[in-house]
Protein backbone atom coordinates (compact mmCIF):
# COMPACT_ATOMS: atom_id res chain seq x y z
CA MET A 1 -24.14 -4.41 12.99
CA LYS A 2 -22.59 -6.63 10.31
CA VAL A 3 -19.48 -5.55 8.44
CA LEU A 4 -18.03 -7.18 5.32
CA LEU A 5 -14.39 -6.30 4.57
CA LEU A 6 -13.34 -7.23 1.04
CA TYR A 7 -9.88 -7.25 -0.53
CA ALA A 8 -7.98 -8.98 -3.33
CA SER A 9 -4.51 -10.50 -3.16
CA PHE A 10 -3.08 -8.64 -6.17
CA GLY A 11 -0.30 -6.89 -4.29
CA GLY A 12 -0.09 -7.01 -0.51
CA GLY A 13 -1.34 -3.46 -0.03
CA HIS A 14 -5.02 -4.29 -0.58
CA PHE A 15 -4.87 -6.98 2.10
CA LYS A 16 -2.92 -4.79 4.53
CA ALA A 17 -5.38 -1.91 4.18
CA ALA A 18 -8.33 -4.24 4.85
CA GLU A 19 -6.45 -5.76 7.79
CA SER A 20 -6.03 -2.27 9.28
CA LEU A 21 -9.80 -1.71 9.12
CA LYS A 22 -10.41 -5.12 10.66
CA GLU A 23 -8.04 -4.23 13.50
CA TYR A 24 -9.97 -1.03 14.21
CA PHE A 25 -13.39 -2.69 14.23
CA GLU A 26 -12.15 -5.48 16.50
CA GLU A 27 -10.70 -3.01 19.02
CA TYR A 28 -13.35 -0.30 19.05
CA HIS A 29 -16.51 -2.15 17.96
CA PRO A 30 -16.03 -5.71 19.25
CA ASP A 31 -19.79 -6.30 19.23
CA TYR A 32 -19.93 -5.97 15.44
CA GLU A 33 -20.00 -9.15 13.37
CA LEU A 34 -17.10 -9.10 10.89
CA MET A 35 -16.44 -11.06 7.74
CA PHE A 36 -12.95 -10.65 6.22
CA LEU A 37 -12.71 -12.02 2.68
CA ASP A 38 -10.52 -12.18 -0.42
CA ALA A 39 -13.38 -11.59 -2.83
CA MET A 40 -11.78 -12.82 -6.05
CA LYS A 41 -10.14 -15.86 -4.47
CA TYR A 42 -13.43 -16.86 -2.85
CA THR A 43 -15.40 -16.36 -6.06
CA SER A 44 -13.04 -18.12 -8.46
CA PRO A 45 -9.70 -19.47 -7.15
CA GLU A 46 -8.70 -20.51 -10.68
CA ILE A 47 -9.18 -17.07 -12.23
CA ASN A 48 -7.61 -15.48 -9.15
CA ASN A 49 -4.46 -17.58 -9.62
CA ILE A 50 -4.26 -16.76 -13.32
CA ILE A 51 -4.57 -13.01 -12.72
CA LEU A 52 -2.19 -13.06 -9.75
CA LYS A 53 0.51 -15.01 -11.60
CA SER A 54 0.15 -12.78 -14.66
CA TYR A 55 0.54 -9.66 -12.55
CA VAL A 56 3.61 -10.99 -10.74
CA GLN A 57 5.31 -12.11 -13.95
CA LEU A 58 4.60 -8.83 -15.74
CA ALA A 59 5.73 -6.71 -12.80
CA LYS A 60 8.89 -8.74 -12.30
CA ASN A 61 9.98 -9.52 -15.85
CA MET A 62 8.21 -6.97 -18.07
CA PRO A 63 7.61 -3.81 -16.02
CA LYS A 64 7.29 -1.60 -19.11
CA ALA A 65 4.57 -3.88 -20.48
CA TRP A 66 2.76 -3.67 -17.15
CA GLY A 67 3.02 0.11 -17.29
CA LYS A 68 1.46 0.18 -20.77
CA ILE A 69 -1.41 -2.04 -19.66
CA TYR A 70 -1.96 0.17 -16.61
CA ASN A 71 -2.02 3.35 -18.70
CA LEU A 72 -4.17 1.89 -21.47
CA SER A 73 -6.74 0.61 -19.00
CA ASP A 74 -6.89 4.11 -17.51
CA GLN A 75 -7.50 5.71 -20.91
CA TYR A 76 -9.71 3.25 -22.79
CA SER A 77 -12.89 1.94 -21.24
CA SER A 78 -12.81 -1.31 -23.25
CA LEU A 79 -10.11 -2.76 -21.01
CA THR A 80 -11.86 -1.83 -17.77
CA ASP A 81 -15.18 -2.95 -19.25
CA PHE A 82 -13.66 -6.38 -19.88
CA THR A 83 -12.62 -6.65 -16.24
CA THR A 84 -16.08 -5.57 -15.12
CA LEU A 85 -17.69 -8.17 -17.38
CA LEU A 86 -15.35 -10.88 -16.07
CA ASN A 87 -16.27 -10.04 -12.48
CA LYS A 88 -19.99 -10.19 -13.25
CA ILE A 89 -19.60 -13.59 -14.90
CA VAL A 90 -17.85 -15.20 -11.92
CA ALA A 91 -19.72 -13.36 -9.17
CA GLY A 92 -22.61 -15.77 -8.56
CA LYS A 93 -21.06 -17.52 -5.57
CA PHE A 94 -19.96 -14.20 -4.10
CA LYS A 95 -23.40 -12.62 -4.49
CA GLN A 96 -25.03 -15.50 -2.62
CA LEU A 97 -22.58 -15.09 0.26
CA VAL A 98 -23.43 -11.39 0.50
CA LEU A 99 -27.16 -12.10 0.46
CA ASP A 100 -26.77 -14.75 3.18
CA PHE A 101 -24.56 -12.59 5.42
CA LYS A 102 -26.77 -9.47 5.00
CA PRO A 103 -24.09 -6.88 5.86
CA ASP A 104 -24.93 -3.35 6.96
CA ILE A 105 -21.53 -2.08 5.83
CA ILE A 106 -19.26 -3.26 3.02
CA ILE A 107 -15.76 -1.80 2.67
CA CYS A 108 -13.65 -2.78 -0.34
CA THR A 109 -9.92 -2.19 -0.69
CA HIS A 110 -9.87 -3.46 -4.27
CA PRO A 111 -12.23 -2.42 -7.11
CA PHE A 112 -13.01 -5.97 -8.29
CA ALA A 113 -15.41 -6.47 -5.40
CA VAL A 114 -17.43 -3.37 -6.32
CA ASP A 115 -18.08 -4.73 -9.80
CA MET A 116 -19.46 -7.88 -8.19
CA LEU A 117 -21.80 -5.85 -5.97
CA TYR A 118 -23.15 -3.78 -8.86
CA THR A 119 -26.09 -6.03 -9.78
CA LEU A 120 -27.22 -6.50 -6.18
CA LYS A 121 -27.21 -2.77 -5.57
CA LYS A 122 -28.98 -2.05 -8.86
CA LYS A 123 -31.78 -4.53 -8.07
CA ASN A 124 -32.18 -3.09 -4.56
CA THR A 125 -31.48 -6.49 -3.03
CA LEU A 126 -28.54 -5.05 -1.09
CA ASN A 127 -29.13 -2.37 1.53
CA ALA A 128 -25.56 -2.12 2.80
CA LYS A 129 -23.58 1.08 2.53
CA ILE A 130 -20.52 0.48 0.33
CA GLY A 131 -17.16 2.16 0.84
CA LEU A 132 -14.18 1.92 -1.50
CA VAL A 133 -10.65 2.57 -0.19
CA LEU A 134 -8.23 3.62 -2.95
CA THR A 135 -4.80 2.29 -1.95
CA ASP A 136 -2.62 4.49 -4.18
CA TYR A 137 -1.93 8.22 -4.48
CA ALA A 138 -3.75 8.78 -7.78
CA PRO A 139 -7.06 7.35 -9.04
CA HIS A 140 -7.27 4.88 -11.91
CA ALA A 141 -10.27 4.06 -14.09
CA MET A 142 -10.43 0.56 -12.57
CA TRP A 143 -11.51 2.11 -9.27
CA LEU A 144 -14.25 4.18 -10.88
CA THR A 145 -16.19 1.72 -13.03
CA GLN A 146 -19.29 1.71 -10.78
CA PRO A 147 -19.45 5.14 -9.10
CA ASN A 148 -23.19 4.86 -8.36
CA THR A 149 -22.65 1.59 -6.50
CA VAL A 150 -20.24 3.26 -4.07
CA ASP A 151 -21.54 5.42 -1.22
CA ALA A 152 -18.13 6.68 -0.11
CA PHE A 153 -14.71 6.88 -1.74
CA PHE A 154 -11.76 7.12 0.67
CA VAL A 155 -8.59 8.59 -0.86
CA ALA A 156 -4.99 9.21 0.16
CA HIS A 157 -4.88 13.02 0.09
CA GLU A 158 -6.91 16.15 -0.63
CA GLY A 159 -5.51 16.53 -4.15
CA MET A 160 -7.26 13.31 -5.15
CA ILE A 161 -10.63 14.93 -4.56
CA ASP A 162 -9.91 17.26 -7.48
CA LEU A 163 -8.68 14.34 -9.59
CA MET A 164 -11.89 12.43 -8.83
CA GLU A 165 -13.96 15.45 -9.83
CA ILE A 166 -12.20 15.48 -13.21
CA GLU A 167 -13.40 11.88 -13.62
CA ASN A 168 -16.99 13.02 -12.92
CA ILE A 169 -17.18 11.49 -9.47
CA ASP A 170 -19.51 13.26 -7.03
CA THR A 171 -17.00 14.85 -4.65
CA LYS A 172 -19.58 14.87 -1.84
CA LYS A 173 -18.87 11.15 -1.65
CA VAL A 174 -15.06 11.52 -1.59
CA TYR A 175 -13.20 11.72 1.72
CA ALA A 176 -9.46 12.44 2.03
CA THR A 177 -8.92 10.16 5.04
CA GLY A 178 -5.57 8.78 3.97
CA ILE A 179 -4.75 5.11 3.39
CA PRO A 180 -5.30 2.95 6.50
CA VAL A 181 -2.28 1.32 8.16
CA LEU A 182 -1.99 -0.87 11.23
CA LYS A 183 -1.95 0.82 14.62
CA ALA A 184 1.65 -0.31 15.15
CA PHE A 185 2.88 2.19 12.54
CA HIS A 186 1.71 5.20 14.55
CA THR A 187 2.55 3.81 17.97
CA GLU A 188 5.18 5.60 20.05
CA TYR A 189 8.23 3.42 20.72
CA ASP A 190 11.29 3.78 22.91
CA ARG A 191 14.01 3.96 20.22
CA VAL A 192 16.81 3.05 22.63
CA GLU A 193 14.99 -0.11 23.70
CA LEU A 194 14.21 -1.05 20.11
CA LEU A 195 17.85 -0.65 19.11
CA LYS A 196 18.81 -3.04 21.89
CA GLU A 197 16.11 -5.48 20.78
CA PHE A 198 17.61 -5.67 17.27
CA GLY A 199 21.25 -5.58 18.39
CA LEU A 200 21.89 -2.14 16.90
CA GLU A 201 23.81 0.93 18.03
CA ASP A 202 22.52 4.45 18.55
CA LYS A 203 23.66 5.80 15.18
CA PHE A 204 22.31 6.56 11.71
CA THR A 205 20.21 3.56 10.65
CA LEU A 206 19.28 2.81 7.04
CA LEU A 207 16.42 0.43 6.24
CA PHE A 208 16.61 -1.26 2.82
CA ILE A 209 13.46 -3.04 1.54
CA PRO A 210 13.96 -3.48 -2.21
CA GLY A 211 10.80 -5.46 -3.01
CA GLY A 212 10.43 -8.61 -5.06
CA GLU A 213 9.90 -7.01 -8.48
CA TYR A 214 13.39 -5.48 -8.65
CA GLY A 215 16.00 -7.79 -10.24
CA MET A 216 18.40 -9.51 -7.83
CA SER A 217 21.52 -8.25 -9.60
CA LYS A 218 20.29 -4.65 -9.33
CA ASN A 219 19.35 -5.18 -5.68
CA SER A 220 22.84 -6.49 -4.95
CA LYS A 221 24.46 -3.53 -6.69
CA VAL A 222 22.46 -1.04 -4.62
CA PHE A 223 23.27 -3.01 -1.46
CA LYS A 224 26.99 -2.89 -2.32
CA ASP A 225 26.73 0.89 -2.69
CA ILE A 226 25.03 1.13 0.69
CA LEU A 227 27.82 -0.91 2.27
CA ARG A 228 30.35 1.71 1.10
CA ILE A 229 28.69 4.56 3.01
CA PRO A 230 30.69 5.38 6.18
CA ASP A 231 29.26 5.73 9.69
CA ILE A 232 25.92 4.01 9.23
CA GLN A 233 24.30 0.73 10.23
CA ILE A 234 21.98 -1.19 7.93
CA ILE A 235 18.84 -3.28 8.14
CA ALA A 236 17.99 -5.16 4.93
CA VAL A 237 14.64 -6.94 4.58
CA THR A 238 14.36 -9.43 1.71
CA GLY A 239 10.87 -10.79 2.42
CA LYS A 240 10.29 -14.31 1.16
CA ASN A 241 13.16 -14.16 -1.33
CA GLU A 242 15.58 -16.66 0.25
CA LYS A 243 18.04 -16.42 -2.64
CA LEU A 244 18.35 -12.66 -2.17
CA LYS A 245 18.66 -13.08 1.60
CA LYS A 246 21.63 -15.43 1.19
CA LYS A 247 23.26 -13.04 -1.28
CA PHE A 248 22.89 -10.12 1.12
CA GLU A 249 24.19 -12.20 4.04
CA LYS A 250 27.26 -13.09 2.01
CA LEU A 251 27.93 -9.43 1.19
CA ALA A 252 27.31 -8.39 4.79
CA GLY A 253 29.68 -11.08 6.06
CA VAL A 254 32.74 -9.32 4.63
CA SER A 255 31.75 -5.89 5.95
CA SER A 256 32.79 -4.38 9.28
CA LYS A 257 29.43 -2.58 9.59
CA ASN A 258 26.62 -3.55 11.92
CA ILE A 259 24.22 -5.14 9.42
CA LYS A 260 21.02 -7.07 10.04
CA VAL A 261 19.65 -9.10 7.12
CA LEU A 262 16.08 -10.24 7.70
CA GLY A 263 13.70 -12.32 5.63
CA TYR A 264 9.94 -12.04 6.02
CA THR A 265 9.13 -10.14 9.22
CA ASN A 266 6.19 -8.57 11.01
CA ASP A 267 8.51 -6.04 12.65
CA ILE A 268 8.39 -3.41 9.88
CA PRO A 269 6.62 -0.89 12.18
CA LYS A 270 9.46 -1.15 14.71
CA LEU A 271 12.14 -1.09 12.02
CA LEU A 272 10.69 2.07 10.48
CA HIS A 273 10.63 3.80 13.84
CA ILE A 274 14.31 3.14 14.54
CA SER A 275 15.43 4.00 11.01
CA ASN A 276 16.55 7.43 9.86
CA LEU A 277 15.95 6.59 6.20
CA ILE A 278 14.22 3.89 4.17
CA ILE A 279 15.07 2.83 0.61
CA SER A 280 12.13 0.99 -0.91
CA LYS A 281 9.55 0.64 -3.65
CA THR A 282 6.52 2.92 -3.59
CA GLY A 283 3.59 0.61 -3.16
CA GLY A 284 0.67 2.54 -1.71
CA LEU A 285 0.94 0.96 1.74
CA THR A 286 4.74 1.15 1.97
CA THR A 287 4.57 4.83 1.03
CA THR A 288 1.90 5.48 3.65
CA GLU A 289 3.69 3.50 6.34
CA SER A 290 6.84 5.55 5.77
CA ILE A 291 4.95 8.85 5.95
CA VAL A 292 3.00 7.87 9.07
CA SER A 293 6.25 6.71 10.72
CA HIS A 294 7.91 10.04 9.74
CA THR A 295 10.72 8.16 8.01
CA PRO A 296 12.18 9.86 4.89
CA LEU A 297 11.76 7.63 1.84
CA VAL A 298 14.25 7.08 -0.97
CA VAL A 299 12.30 5.68 -3.92
CA LEU A 300 13.88 2.69 -5.63
CA SER A 301 12.94 2.01 -9.26
CA PRO A 302 9.12 2.33 -9.07
CA LEU A 303 7.06 0.17 -11.38
CA PRO A 304 5.46 2.09 -14.26
CA GLY A 305 1.88 2.83 -13.32
CA GLN A 306 0.67 3.16 -9.76
CA GLU A 307 4.15 3.15 -8.18
CA GLU A 308 5.18 6.03 -10.47
CA HIS A 309 2.18 8.05 -9.25
CA ASN A 310 3.03 7.25 -5.63
CA SER A 311 6.65 8.22 -6.26
CA ASN A 312 5.56 11.52 -7.77
CA TYR A 313 3.52 12.29 -4.66
CA VAL A 314 6.55 11.61 -2.44
CA ILE A 315 8.89 13.79 -4.48
CA ASN A 316 6.44 16.63 -5.20
CA ASN A 317 5.54 16.96 -1.53
CA GLY A 318 9.04 16.91 -0.10
CA LEU A 319 8.67 13.51 1.56
CA GLY A 320 11.79 11.93 0.09
CA TYR A 321 14.06 11.38 -2.89
CA ARG A 322 14.28 9.09 -5.88
CA LEU A 323 17.25 6.99 -7.02
CA PHE A 324 17.09 7.30 -10.79
CA GLU A 325 18.54 4.51 -12.91
CA ASN A 326 21.30 6.64 -14.44
CA CYS A 327 22.39 8.39 -11.22
CA ASN A 328 25.49 7.53 -9.19
CA LYS A 329 23.66 5.86 -6.33
CA LEU A 330 26.56 5.96 -3.88
CA VAL A 331 27.12 9.69 -4.34
CA THR A 332 23.38 10.40 -4.22
CA LEU A 333 22.81 8.38 -1.05
CA LYS A 334 25.78 9.98 0.72
CA SER A 335 24.48 13.45 -0.14
CA ILE A 336 21.08 12.52 1.33
CA ILE A 337 22.38 10.89 4.50
CA TYR A 338 24.81 13.67 5.38
CA ASN A 339 22.25 16.45 4.82
CA LYS A 340 20.77 16.47 8.33
CA LYS A 341 18.84 19.69 7.79
CA ARG A 342 17.09 18.30 4.72
CA LEU A 343 16.17 15.08 6.56
CA GLU A 344 14.70 17.18 9.39
CA GLN A 345 12.61 19.07 6.84
CA ILE A 346 11.32 15.81 5.39
CA ASN A 347 10.40 14.65 8.89
CA GLU A 348 8.43 17.86 9.33
CA MET A 349 6.62 17.32 6.01
CA CYS A 350 5.76 13.77 7.05
CA SER A 351 4.31 15.13 10.29
CA LEU A 352 2.28 17.67 8.33
CA LEU A 353 0.90 15.30 5.68
CA ALA A 354 0.56 12.03 7.60
CA LYS A 355 -2.98 10.78 8.24
CA PRO A 356 -2.53 8.29 11.09
CA ASN A 357 -6.26 8.19 11.87
CA ALA A 358 -7.30 6.81 8.48
CA SER A 359 -8.66 3.52 9.84
CA LYS A 360 -10.77 5.31 12.43
CA ASP A 361 -12.02 7.95 10.00
CA ILE A 362 -13.02 5.37 7.37
CA CYS A 363 -14.75 2.99 9.77
CA GLU A 364 -16.61 5.72 11.67
CA LYS A 365 -17.76 7.41 8.45
CA MET A 366 -19.16 4.10 7.21
CA ILE A 367 -20.94 3.55 10.53
CA GLU A 368 -22.41 7.04 10.26
CA LEU A 369 -23.61 6.40 6.70
CA SER A 370 -25.13 3.05 7.64
CA LYS A 371 -27.19 4.73 10.37
CA ASN A 372 -28.51 7.27 7.88
CA VAL A 373 -30.10 4.82 5.46
CA ASP A 374 -32.37 6.55 2.95
C-alpha cells in the first residue's frame, strides 16, 4: 500500500495535521510506503514563497485586510477560481510525481493539493482514494472547490456536516473525526514528575502562547497583566520570536513568581498537560490540542477569518473564554482563574467533545475506502 500525505506550509497547522497522520501510519502500518510532501513548495518554490510571505505580512500587519480577503473568497467564486487556476498552471511537476509514485491513498491537509489532483482524477489516470482534512472549525469555499475529486472529507465536529450540506457537499462523504493531533497530546503523563522536569511547583499553572501575529507591545501588556495575578506560576512560549523572548525574560526577571520563558519547543504536549489554563490564538491545531489535552482555553485576539470561527466554536461550546480588546484583561483573567467550578466544567466539556482518535479514524477510513475501489 502506498500513501501520499500532502500539506502546505501556510500556517503550521496543515503541516502538524499531516505529521499526525504520518505518525499513525508509521506506528500501525509500518509496511506501507509513505511519501510526505509540501505540495506547493515542491511544485513551485517561488510561488510558495510569495504566497507564504504575503500571508504572514497580512496576518501580522493588516489582520482586517486578511479577514476581508478570507470572507470575500468564501462568498465570491472568482477569488477561489483564481487560486484553482493558479494551482492547475503550476501543477505539472506535481502531477508527474503522483503518476510515478502511484499512490493508493492520498490525504491532503490543505486544499491547494486537491486542485492539483483534479485533472488526473478527471482523466481517470489516478486511481487513488483522496481524503481532505479540514483543519479549522468551519468550512471555507477554498476547501470545497473540487468536491467530486475528494472521496472523503474529514471535519472537526458534527456541526460541520450540516454546514457542508448547505454548501451542497454529499454528506455521505463527510466524517466528523476531529482534527488529527500528535499522539503526545493524548498521552497520560505524571503531572508531579513533569512539574519537577520543568522546575515548577504544584500550584495553578498558566501557559501563555501569544503567537507571532499579535503585536509585541500588546503581547507585553498582556504578559504584564498576567504577572500581577497572585498565587500562580507562568510558562510563556515565544516560539522563534527572539525579540519577544528577551522582552518577556526582562519582565520576568523583576517578578518574584516562578516563571519559565521558552522559545521554540517541542514540549507543548507536556506543557499543556501540566497547565490549568492556556492563553493563546485559535489556530485550528492549537484549539484542538487544547481540547484534547482538556486544558481550558482563553482566546487571545483571533485573526479575522478562520481564527474567529475557531474562537466561536470554543466559546459557544463552553470550552473557554475570550479576552476582548476592550475588556480589563487583569480583572477578566482573575475572575477566570479563581472560578474553580467553572474551570472544572470546561474540563468536562473538553472530555465530552475531544476527538483524540482522529488520526486513527482518518487513516483507517482511507484504508477501508482504498480496499473498496469501484
